[in-house]
Amino acid sequence: MPHRTIHLFRKGLRLHDNPTLLAALECSEVVYPVYILDRKFMTSVMHIGTLRWHFLLQSLEDLQKNLYQLGSCLLVIQGEYESVLRDHIQKWNITQVTLDAEMEPFYKEMEANIRRLGEELGFEVLSLVGHSLYNTKRILDLNSGTPPLTYKRFLRILSLLGDPEVPVRNLTAEDFQKCRSPDPGLAECYRVPLPVDLKIPAESLSPWRGGETEGLQRLEQHLTDQGWVASFTKPRTIPNSLLPSTTGLSPYFSVGCLSVRTFFYRLSNIYAQAKHHSLPPVSLQGQLLWREFFYTVASATPNFTKMAGNPICLQISWYEDAERLHKWKTVTRCIATTAVFQFSFSIALGLVSAGCLQQCVGKKCNETVSGRADVSFLLQAQTGFPWIDAIMTQLRQEGWIHHLARHAVACFLTRGDLWISWEEGMKVFEELLLDADYSINAGNWMWLSASAFFHQYTRIFCPIRFGKRTDPEGQYIRKYLPILKNFPSKYIYEPWTATEEEQKQAGCIIGQDYPFPMVNHKEASDHNLQLMKQVREEQYRTAQLTRDDTDDPMEMKVKRDHSEENVSKGKVARMTEQTKIPSGITHWEPKNGKRGEPEAS
């Protein structure tokens, strides 16, 4: 007997390669496409900033439009998900709930609760994998029930599984015509809310617009240049280019506007036609495999997003320094007319407080935030290192930064300069990054803080030299830190070295208009290196759990090895074994330990 089905969207906000929705349509007499906007649940399990809310709402609007074109509609119901389901299952005589299987613990718990509700109310639950290349449970089963903790071991397991399942066919109007759609009146009752309905600012400055339509357009745009696709090498992309030098598709994979399987097989087709192409881990397919690796490890590692209770993470006594953390993560946004300060918007976003007023403008001002003044205000970060501050400013403005830029600010916060816990940085990225992902975010923060996965801990980013190598003129800094735009190129990365007269000519006095560096990088990094060495000696067994033969994520030409400051280099061991992996992927282990990054492909 055909079902009466609620298809519950969580991620997977798309109509192409949506196996769960396709299965629902094939076995139902009526399908209600539902997104439950449970703000209490969402804010309790993740940090979601303004730009992420915008991206989600845009993605829901696009999904609604695409469903309407096929003769259906999206019902966005606000409230606690279990109460919403209980009410509407009874109201609509539902016999089945379908949803994508997810690996985050909070989504697993949600599915378990829905299954218990099904037992109580008498409806079936169907969940299928659609957000990853593989079913992580199958990978775990082939590895004796435990996650493979190294990339090399992970690829060996994939060789047993073979290629990922191919994408299912795209949905058509005929699929929706075979079963009844919801009453058109419901769509108006359960419309996609506007930002103002959620009490968030109405406008977004991010160049990324959410939705399947936008994601597919970006995908086609990049795949048109098959030469670029075939030769793509992640570490050779430029972290401070004014336009993304990678695909910029990661936000669309994060919420499921794009299918990772579709991308994988489109790449395979291009590789098959190319005479030569780049190889994992630095190729575009390599980014998808790193994503899959972190998904698999996170799915079976307790407390994966925390240090305490995490069996693969080094237990480090990080400093607790609220003031330094604030300077690293906070972009001061002060908005003014020539007459009246208008701080309410920035205060609401948590970007500015009245106490930061003097620091922001670099001059004394005794007016209250509602008083009068004839000064201008800028968006400005506060570490005193322009390269770091420009990155954090772009992050808050746009919700995206290049993967090497992420490495720079992560290293600076943790083992490089400030010795502050990676968990604090992870929370900031989770709030601000459009492509924030439970597994990838935590995995990369453990990697970059050398708490797990990465073991070349003597390699530390220099917050001055690293950015200068790929952007010697400092155009990136001039864009995101306009207060420094008039400095000559030789000072743009270290403006404190300019004379007082040169600073006056640039219109920016260091210590007033822009802060001095908050730390001495040489002294801080040398000290932290010794701390990390001691930790790793004391916790040798834990450190070895995730140690691979080659685990350096960087392109050596753009990364400063700490040996430049009198620490001897360690040689990265070459791989001696060619690992068999799925036929769609050619495995390559790099001589100098390069790897790709999954978070910003």
Foldseek 3Di string as FASTA:
>chain_A
DAFAEEEEADFQLAQWLDVQVLVNLVRHQEYADEYEAEVVLVVVPAAAAQVLVQQVLLAQVQSQVVQVVLPAGYFYHYDDVVVVCVVVCVVRVGAEYEYEDAQDPSVVVVVVVVCVVCVVVPHYYHYYHFLAQDDLQQLCVQVVNAAQQELQVSQLSQLVVFGGDAGDGGDHSVSDVSHDYDDVVSCVVRDRDAVVVVPADRDALAPDHHHLVSLVVLLVVVVVPLVCQFAQFFQPFAQLDPDGSDSQNLLCSQRSSDTPNVSLVSSLVSNVPDPHGDAPCGHPVNLSSVVVSLSSNNSHFPPLLDQPRTLLFFDAPFDDDVVLLCLLQAWADWADDQFFTDCPNCVVSVRHDQVCVQQFQLHDDPDGNGGTHRDGGDTWGAQQFLLSTLQSLCQQRHQDGRPVNVLQSLLCCPLQFRNHDLSSVLSSNRHRHSSNHPRQSSVVSSQSNLRELHDQSQFGADSQPLNCVRPQQCPSSCVRPVLQVQQGSVCSRPVVVDDQVSCVVSVHDEVGNGDHRPGDRLVRNVVSVVSVVVSCVVPVVSHVSNDDLARDAHDVVNTGRNCVVVDDGDARHDDPDQRRGHPSGGDDQDRRRHGHRNNRD
